Every structure is written in structure tokens, then in C-alpha cells.
N, C-alpha and C. Protein backbone atom coordinates (compact mmCIF):
# COMPACT_ATOMS: atom_id res chain seq x y z
N MET A 1 -48.86 67.94 -52.41
CA MET A 1 -47.75 67.59 -51.75
C MET A 1 -46.86 66.66 -52.47
N ASP A 2 -45.61 66.91 -52.81
CA ASP A 2 -44.60 65.99 -53.50
C ASP A 2 -44.09 64.92 -52.43
N PHE A 3 -44.30 63.68 -53.13
CA PHE A 3 -43.69 62.48 -52.38
C PHE A 3 -42.39 62.12 -52.77
N PHE A 4 -41.97 62.39 -53.98
CA PHE A 4 -40.85 61.86 -54.75
C PHE A 4 -40.06 62.99 -55.08
N ASP A 5 -38.55 62.56 -55.25
CA ASP A 5 -37.54 63.33 -55.87
C ASP A 5 -36.98 62.43 -56.80
N ALA A 6 -37.41 62.30 -58.03
CA ALA A 6 -36.91 61.39 -59.10
C ALA A 6 -35.83 61.86 -59.86
N SER A 7 -35.19 63.00 -59.52
CA SER A 7 -33.99 63.49 -60.17
C SER A 7 -32.69 62.81 -59.92
N GLY A 8 -32.53 62.14 -58.80
CA GLY A 8 -31.26 61.60 -58.41
C GLY A 8 -31.25 60.20 -58.77
N GLY A 9 -29.96 59.46 -58.47
CA GLY A 9 -29.80 58.21 -58.78
C GLY A 9 -28.93 57.59 -57.79
N ASN A 10 -28.89 56.28 -57.52
CA ASN A 10 -28.08 55.72 -56.55
C ASN A 10 -26.82 55.01 -57.16
N ALA A 11 -25.99 54.11 -56.49
CA ALA A 11 -24.86 53.53 -56.95
C ALA A 11 -25.30 52.56 -57.89
N SER A 12 -26.47 51.96 -57.84
CA SER A 12 -26.80 50.85 -58.83
C SER A 12 -27.49 51.42 -60.01
N GLY A 13 -27.53 52.68 -60.11
CA GLY A 13 -28.16 53.28 -61.40
C GLY A 13 -29.66 53.39 -61.18
N SER A 14 -30.33 53.11 -60.13
CA SER A 14 -31.64 53.12 -60.08
C SER A 14 -32.14 54.53 -59.77
N SER A 15 -33.35 54.78 -60.24
CA SER A 15 -33.97 56.18 -59.83
C SER A 15 -34.29 56.12 -58.36
N VAL A 16 -34.17 57.18 -57.84
CA VAL A 16 -34.49 57.38 -56.46
C VAL A 16 -35.64 58.19 -56.03
N ALA A 17 -36.50 57.72 -55.26
CA ALA A 17 -37.90 58.31 -54.84
C ALA A 17 -37.79 58.61 -53.17
N GLY A 18 -38.24 59.47 -52.79
CA GLY A 18 -38.46 59.80 -51.31
C GLY A 18 -37.14 59.84 -50.71
N SER A 19 -37.18 59.85 -49.32
CA SER A 19 -35.90 59.84 -48.59
C SER A 19 -36.17 59.23 -47.10
N ARG A 20 -35.14 59.10 -46.60
CA ARG A 20 -35.11 58.45 -45.20
C ARG A 20 -34.56 59.55 -44.06
N SER A 21 -35.30 59.40 -42.92
CA SER A 21 -34.71 60.20 -41.97
C SER A 21 -33.46 59.53 -41.40
N ALA A 22 -32.79 60.43 -40.71
CA ALA A 22 -31.58 59.80 -39.96
C ALA A 22 -31.90 58.74 -39.07
N ALA A 23 -33.06 58.65 -38.65
CA ALA A 23 -33.51 57.49 -37.74
C ALA A 23 -33.94 56.42 -38.50
N GLY A 24 -33.86 56.53 -39.84
CA GLY A 24 -34.29 55.35 -40.54
C GLY A 24 -35.75 55.19 -41.01
N GLY A 25 -36.34 56.13 -40.57
CA GLY A 25 -37.95 56.09 -40.96
C GLY A 25 -38.18 56.52 -42.32
N ALA A 26 -39.33 56.18 -42.84
CA ALA A 26 -39.74 56.57 -44.16
C ALA A 26 -40.06 58.08 -44.11
N SER A 27 -40.15 58.66 -45.43
CA SER A 27 -40.36 60.06 -45.38
C SER A 27 -41.90 60.27 -45.42
N ALA A 28 -42.38 61.27 -45.13
CA ALA A 28 -43.80 61.61 -45.02
C ALA A 28 -44.60 61.20 -46.21
N GLY A 29 -45.85 60.74 -46.10
CA GLY A 29 -46.55 60.41 -47.29
C GLY A 29 -46.02 59.04 -47.90
N ALA A 30 -45.22 58.26 -47.28
CA ALA A 30 -44.73 56.99 -48.00
C ALA A 30 -44.97 55.82 -46.98
N PRO A 31 -46.45 55.39 -46.88
CA PRO A 31 -46.67 54.34 -45.87
C PRO A 31 -46.12 53.05 -46.35
N SER A 32 -45.70 52.11 -45.45
CA SER A 32 -45.30 50.85 -45.77
C SER A 32 -46.23 50.06 -46.32
N LEU A 33 -45.97 48.84 -47.03
CA LEU A 33 -46.90 47.98 -47.46
C LEU A 33 -47.45 47.26 -46.25
N ALA A 34 -46.66 47.17 -45.25
CA ALA A 34 -47.28 46.43 -44.04
C ALA A 34 -48.35 47.22 -43.41
N ALA A 35 -47.89 48.58 -43.29
CA ALA A 35 -49.00 49.48 -42.55
C ALA A 35 -50.31 49.64 -43.41
N ALA A 36 -50.24 49.51 -44.87
CA ALA A 36 -51.30 49.43 -45.60
C ALA A 36 -52.02 48.07 -45.76
N GLY A 37 -51.62 47.24 -45.03
CA GLY A 37 -52.19 45.75 -44.94
C GLY A 37 -51.73 45.01 -46.25
N ALA A 38 -50.95 45.37 -47.02
CA ALA A 38 -50.71 44.69 -48.22
C ALA A 38 -49.89 43.39 -48.05
N LEU A 39 -49.19 43.30 -47.09
CA LEU A 39 -48.32 42.07 -46.75
C LEU A 39 -49.21 41.06 -46.07
N SER A 40 -50.22 41.35 -45.53
CA SER A 40 -51.16 40.43 -44.91
C SER A 40 -51.91 39.82 -46.02
N SER A 41 -52.77 38.79 -45.60
CA SER A 41 -53.66 38.23 -46.71
C SER A 41 -54.52 39.00 -47.32
N GLY A 42 -54.96 40.24 -46.60
CA GLY A 42 -55.82 41.13 -47.11
C GLY A 42 -55.28 41.98 -48.19
N GLY A 43 -54.02 42.01 -48.40
CA GLY A 43 -53.43 42.82 -49.55
C GLY A 43 -53.45 41.99 -50.95
N ALA A 44 -53.62 40.60 -50.81
CA ALA A 44 -53.62 39.73 -52.01
C ALA A 44 -54.80 40.11 -52.89
N VAL A 45 -54.74 39.67 -54.18
CA VAL A 45 -55.77 39.98 -55.03
C VAL A 45 -56.69 38.68 -55.04
N PRO A 46 -57.78 38.61 -54.22
CA PRO A 46 -58.62 37.52 -54.13
C PRO A 46 -59.28 37.28 -55.55
N GLY A 47 -59.27 35.95 -55.87
CA GLY A 47 -60.13 35.62 -57.14
C GLY A 47 -59.47 36.19 -58.32
N GLY A 48 -58.13 36.58 -58.25
CA GLY A 48 -57.39 37.08 -59.40
C GLY A 48 -56.90 35.91 -60.38
N PRO A 49 -56.54 36.11 -61.60
CA PRO A 49 -56.07 35.14 -62.35
C PRO A 49 -54.93 34.21 -61.75
N SER A 50 -54.88 32.98 -62.28
CA SER A 50 -54.05 32.11 -61.77
C SER A 50 -52.74 32.12 -62.41
N ASP A 51 -52.68 32.62 -63.67
CA ASP A 51 -51.49 32.67 -64.56
C ASP A 51 -50.80 33.84 -64.34
N THR A 52 -50.73 34.62 -63.32
CA THR A 52 -49.99 35.75 -63.13
C THR A 52 -48.49 35.52 -63.13
N PRO A 53 -47.52 36.40 -63.56
CA PRO A 53 -46.14 36.21 -63.65
C PRO A 53 -45.33 35.92 -62.46
N CYS A 54 -46.16 36.41 -61.24
CA CYS A 54 -45.36 36.27 -59.91
C CYS A 54 -46.55 36.05 -58.86
N SER A 55 -46.19 35.81 -57.70
CA SER A 55 -47.18 35.68 -56.62
C SER A 55 -46.45 35.59 -55.26
N PRO A 56 -47.14 35.80 -54.33
CA PRO A 56 -48.54 36.39 -54.17
C PRO A 56 -48.52 37.80 -54.52
N VAL A 57 -49.73 38.18 -55.30
CA VAL A 57 -49.82 39.35 -55.88
C VAL A 57 -50.35 40.39 -54.77
N ILE A 58 -49.74 41.62 -54.70
CA ILE A 58 -49.99 42.56 -53.88
C ILE A 58 -50.60 43.77 -54.79
N ASP A 59 -51.97 44.13 -54.77
CA ASP A 59 -52.53 45.07 -55.56
C ASP A 59 -52.24 46.53 -54.82
N VAL A 60 -51.46 47.22 -55.42
CA VAL A 60 -51.18 48.77 -54.81
C VAL A 60 -51.67 49.92 -55.70
N THR A 61 -52.69 49.54 -56.47
CA THR A 61 -53.15 50.57 -57.35
C THR A 61 -53.98 51.71 -56.69
N ASP A 62 -54.72 51.39 -55.83
CA ASP A 62 -55.53 52.27 -55.12
C ASP A 62 -55.06 52.85 -53.77
N LYS A 63 -53.82 52.92 -53.66
CA LYS A 63 -53.25 53.41 -52.47
C LYS A 63 -53.44 55.10 -52.33
N GLY A 64 -53.71 55.67 -53.47
CA GLY A 64 -53.90 57.17 -53.60
C GLY A 64 -52.67 58.04 -53.69
N ASN A 65 -51.51 57.46 -53.65
CA ASN A 65 -50.30 58.23 -53.67
C ASN A 65 -49.37 57.85 -54.85
N GLN A 66 -49.68 56.80 -55.54
CA GLN A 66 -48.97 56.18 -56.62
C GLN A 66 -47.51 55.77 -56.00
N MET A 67 -47.45 55.23 -54.97
CA MET A 67 -46.12 54.83 -54.28
C MET A 67 -46.61 53.52 -53.50
N SER A 68 -45.87 52.49 -53.66
CA SER A 68 -45.95 51.21 -53.09
C SER A 68 -45.87 51.21 -51.47
N GLY A 69 -45.05 52.19 -51.04
CA GLY A 69 -44.62 52.29 -49.55
C GLY A 69 -43.42 51.24 -49.46
N GLU A 70 -42.84 51.31 -48.33
CA GLU A 70 -41.68 50.26 -47.98
C GLU A 70 -42.23 48.93 -48.12
N PHE A 71 -41.41 48.15 -48.63
CA PHE A 71 -41.69 46.63 -48.98
C PHE A 71 -41.81 46.05 -47.43
N GLN A 72 -41.00 46.48 -46.58
CA GLN A 72 -40.80 45.98 -45.19
C GLN A 72 -40.09 44.57 -45.16
N ASN A 73 -39.42 44.09 -46.16
CA ASN A 73 -38.66 42.90 -46.18
C ASN A 73 -37.72 43.01 -47.37
N ALA A 74 -36.68 42.22 -47.06
CA ALA A 74 -35.59 42.18 -48.18
C ALA A 74 -35.83 41.05 -49.22
N GLY A 75 -36.87 40.35 -48.97
CA GLY A 75 -37.22 39.21 -50.01
C GLY A 75 -37.87 39.76 -51.18
N PRO A 76 -38.38 38.82 -52.10
CA PRO A 76 -39.10 39.20 -53.29
C PRO A 76 -40.47 39.77 -53.00
N VAL A 77 -41.04 40.53 -53.89
CA VAL A 77 -42.24 41.23 -53.86
C VAL A 77 -42.96 41.22 -55.12
N CYS A 78 -44.33 40.87 -55.20
CA CYS A 78 -44.90 40.88 -56.48
C CYS A 78 -46.06 41.97 -56.40
N LEU A 79 -45.88 42.99 -57.07
CA LEU A 79 -47.02 44.23 -57.05
C LEU A 79 -47.68 44.22 -58.28
N LEU A 80 -49.06 44.48 -58.12
CA LEU A 80 -49.97 44.74 -59.24
C LEU A 80 -50.24 46.18 -59.41
N ILE A 81 -50.23 47.06 -60.48
CA ILE A 81 -50.61 48.38 -60.74
C ILE A 81 -51.31 48.37 -61.89
N SER A 82 -52.65 48.60 -61.70
CA SER A 82 -53.70 48.72 -62.93
C SER A 82 -53.58 50.11 -63.52
N ASP A 83 -53.08 50.93 -62.88
CA ASP A 83 -53.13 52.55 -63.63
C ASP A 83 -52.34 52.30 -64.90
N ASP A 84 -52.61 53.28 -65.68
CA ASP A 84 -51.69 53.62 -66.95
C ASP A 84 -50.52 54.36 -66.35
N ILE A 85 -49.37 53.80 -66.81
CA ILE A 85 -48.08 54.11 -66.21
C ILE A 85 -47.35 55.05 -67.42
N VAL A 86 -46.98 56.17 -67.12
CA VAL A 86 -46.32 57.00 -68.14
C VAL A 86 -44.64 57.31 -67.69
N GLY A 87 -44.60 56.85 -66.42
CA GLY A 87 -43.17 56.88 -65.92
C GLY A 87 -43.24 56.30 -64.54
N TRP A 88 -42.13 55.79 -64.10
CA TRP A 88 -41.95 54.98 -62.84
C TRP A 88 -40.58 54.89 -62.41
N GLY A 89 -40.31 54.54 -61.21
CA GLY A 89 -38.97 54.46 -60.63
C GLY A 89 -38.97 53.46 -59.33
N CYS A 90 -37.79 53.33 -59.00
CA CYS A 90 -37.69 52.67 -57.64
C CYS A 90 -36.59 53.09 -56.67
N SER A 91 -36.59 52.96 -55.47
CA SER A 91 -35.90 53.53 -54.65
C SER A 91 -35.13 52.43 -53.57
N ASN A 92 -34.06 52.42 -53.42
CA ASN A 92 -33.28 51.60 -52.63
C ASN A 92 -33.27 50.21 -53.05
N PHE A 93 -33.17 50.13 -54.35
CA PHE A 93 -33.26 48.67 -55.04
C PHE A 93 -31.85 47.88 -55.10
N GLU A 94 -30.89 48.32 -54.29
CA GLU A 94 -29.59 47.66 -54.36
C GLU A 94 -29.78 46.23 -54.37
N GLY A 95 -29.29 45.41 -55.28
CA GLY A 95 -29.36 43.89 -55.28
C GLY A 95 -30.61 43.39 -55.90
N ARG A 96 -31.70 44.15 -56.13
CA ARG A 96 -32.83 43.70 -56.77
C ARG A 96 -33.00 43.86 -58.25
N THR A 97 -33.66 42.99 -58.94
CA THR A 97 -34.01 43.11 -60.19
C THR A 97 -35.51 43.24 -60.29
N VAL A 98 -35.97 43.67 -61.55
CA VAL A 98 -37.26 43.87 -61.82
C VAL A 98 -37.58 43.17 -63.02
N LYS A 99 -38.90 42.25 -63.00
CA LYS A 99 -39.52 42.01 -64.28
C LYS A 99 -40.83 42.66 -64.30
N VAL A 100 -41.35 43.10 -65.33
CA VAL A 100 -42.82 43.70 -65.54
C VAL A 100 -43.36 42.58 -66.55
N ASN A 101 -44.56 41.99 -66.16
CA ASN A 101 -45.36 41.06 -66.73
C ASN A 101 -44.47 39.99 -67.58
N GLY A 102 -43.31 39.50 -66.79
CA GLY A 102 -42.55 38.51 -67.08
C GLY A 102 -41.27 39.02 -67.97
N VAL A 103 -41.15 40.29 -68.18
CA VAL A 103 -40.07 40.71 -69.16
C VAL A 103 -39.07 41.51 -68.18
N GLU A 104 -37.87 41.23 -68.13
CA GLU A 104 -37.00 41.89 -67.39
C GLU A 104 -36.56 43.27 -67.86
N VAL A 105 -36.70 44.31 -66.92
CA VAL A 105 -36.53 45.73 -67.23
C VAL A 105 -35.45 46.38 -66.20
N SER A 106 -34.98 47.39 -66.66
CA SER A 106 -34.20 48.20 -65.68
C SER A 106 -35.14 49.32 -64.94
N CYS A 107 -34.77 49.64 -63.79
CA CYS A 107 -35.52 50.67 -63.15
C CYS A 107 -35.86 51.88 -64.02
N ALA A 108 -37.15 52.35 -64.04
CA ALA A 108 -37.49 53.44 -64.77
C ALA A 108 -37.57 53.20 -66.30
N GLU A 109 -37.27 52.15 -66.62
CA GLU A 109 -37.16 51.88 -68.00
C GLU A 109 -38.68 51.94 -68.73
N LEU A 110 -38.65 52.64 -69.92
CA LEU A 110 -40.03 52.65 -70.66
C LEU A 110 -39.60 52.31 -72.13
N PRO A 111 -40.48 51.96 -72.79
CA PRO A 111 -41.83 51.64 -72.60
C PRO A 111 -41.96 50.33 -71.74
N LEU A 112 -42.97 50.17 -71.10
CA LEU A 112 -43.26 48.89 -70.48
C LEU A 112 -43.93 48.01 -71.22
N PRO A 113 -43.91 46.76 -71.01
CA PRO A 113 -44.68 45.80 -71.81
C PRO A 113 -46.10 45.94 -71.71
N ASP A 114 -46.88 45.32 -72.70
CA ASP A 114 -48.10 45.55 -72.60
C ASP A 114 -49.01 45.03 -71.41
N LYS A 115 -49.97 45.55 -70.89
CA LYS A 115 -50.69 45.18 -69.65
C LYS A 115 -51.09 43.76 -69.70
N LEU A 116 -51.10 42.99 -68.64
CA LEU A 116 -51.52 41.63 -68.65
C LEU A 116 -52.65 41.47 -67.63
N HIS A 117 -53.74 41.08 -67.99
CA HIS A 117 -55.24 40.90 -67.15
C HIS A 117 -55.33 42.33 -66.60
N GLY A 118 -55.25 43.41 -67.41
CA GLY A 118 -55.45 44.70 -67.09
C GLY A 118 -54.42 45.32 -66.20
N GLY A 119 -53.36 44.92 -66.08
CA GLY A 119 -52.35 45.67 -65.22
C GLY A 119 -50.92 45.37 -65.38
N TYR A 120 -49.96 45.78 -64.62
CA TYR A 120 -48.64 45.55 -64.66
C TYR A 120 -48.31 44.81 -63.55
N TYR A 121 -47.59 43.70 -63.68
CA TYR A 121 -47.20 42.87 -62.45
C TYR A 121 -45.68 43.08 -62.26
N PHE A 122 -45.21 43.69 -61.32
CA PHE A 122 -43.91 44.06 -61.00
C PHE A 122 -43.43 43.06 -60.23
N ASP A 123 -42.50 42.09 -60.78
CA ASP A 123 -41.94 40.95 -60.00
C ASP A 123 -40.43 41.42 -59.53
N ILE A 124 -40.42 41.68 -58.27
CA ILE A 124 -39.14 42.37 -57.87
C ILE A 124 -38.42 41.25 -57.17
N SER A 125 -37.20 41.08 -57.28
CA SER A 125 -36.34 40.01 -56.50
C SER A 125 -35.97 40.52 -55.17
N ALA A 126 -35.48 39.56 -54.32
CA ALA A 126 -34.82 39.95 -53.08
C ALA A 126 -33.62 40.91 -53.35
N GLY A 127 -33.36 41.58 -52.31
CA GLY A 127 -32.43 42.70 -52.29
C GLY A 127 -31.93 43.10 -50.84
N GLU A 128 -31.14 44.01 -50.91
CA GLU A 128 -30.35 44.62 -49.70
C GLU A 128 -31.31 45.05 -48.53
N HIS A 129 -32.17 45.92 -49.13
CA HIS A 129 -33.04 46.74 -48.13
C HIS A 129 -34.46 46.39 -47.94
N ALA A 130 -35.14 46.35 -46.83
CA ALA A 130 -36.31 46.18 -46.62
C ALA A 130 -37.10 47.40 -46.79
N TYR A 131 -36.35 48.62 -46.96
CA TYR A 131 -37.30 49.92 -46.99
C TYR A 131 -37.28 50.19 -48.52
N ALA A 132 -37.06 49.31 -49.33
CA ALA A 132 -37.02 49.50 -50.85
C ALA A 132 -38.64 49.92 -51.23
N SER A 133 -38.74 50.59 -52.28
CA SER A 133 -40.14 50.91 -52.66
C SER A 133 -40.16 51.28 -54.19
N LEU A 134 -41.36 51.41 -54.66
CA LEU A 134 -41.63 51.66 -56.11
C LEU A 134 -42.54 52.79 -56.29
N TYR A 135 -42.47 53.54 -57.24
CA TYR A 135 -43.30 54.76 -57.55
C TYR A 135 -43.74 54.76 -58.99
N TRP A 136 -44.85 55.39 -59.31
CA TRP A 136 -45.20 55.50 -60.61
C TRP A 136 -46.10 56.71 -60.86
N TYR A 137 -46.33 57.12 -62.02
CA TYR A 137 -47.19 58.39 -62.47
C TYR A 137 -47.59 58.27 -63.91
């Protein structure tokens, strides 16, 4: 099942993944971070390193579909992805900026900086949409 359509772009030049229904719901297969429990204290990385480039860290590596799900807030988000990433993109990122392991990058920019503590820390600033999300492959 395909969850993403990475062929398009939005007005801010970001890659677009997934879609939203007319009622404003997420597309099938794209659970929110809140639904996955990632925005609760259960989604943080317990015992993780104290020198991460952002916090609180939400580990979205093992979600099974290589998509963060909707952030469920317009505020900043810190995501950890331990997978090897050969491509990535963001959806509905108007007003947001992204740093990966402390290095500012554009959405979908490659190559990514080297892994830090075995993963990529996506430090995502606040933006316009609570339904923003990130995907990778």
C-alpha cells in the first residue's frame, strides 16, 4: 500500500506526502504522533543521550510505515529516526524549518549529515499546520 505521493510540491517548495480529506482528516495509513502515543511521555526516548540537538526526542523509527504521522501541534517537534535514510520529505511544512543533527537543511535535501548517536535527529520548528508530517525511505 502506498502512503505517499512525493511527486508534488507546495508553495513553500517542500515535498508533499500523503493527502488530507475534505473534512481535514489524515489520509489512510498516516496515524498521528498523538495516536501513536509519541506526544505523551511514552513516546520519548528514555535513557537517551543528554547531548541531543533537540528535545524532547520522539523516536518514530519503529512505526512500520516510515512516516511520522501528523504532529498534532503547530509547535516545534524533535523526531529521532534510526533507519538508514536514502530519501525523505515533508508535508504541510509552511512556516517550518528543519535541522538534522544540528545542521539546517531544506526539506528532502540529501545527503543528510552523519548519524549522531546512531540516528538522525530532525529538529523541526513551529509552523502553520498541526497536521504537518515527515516521511522517509
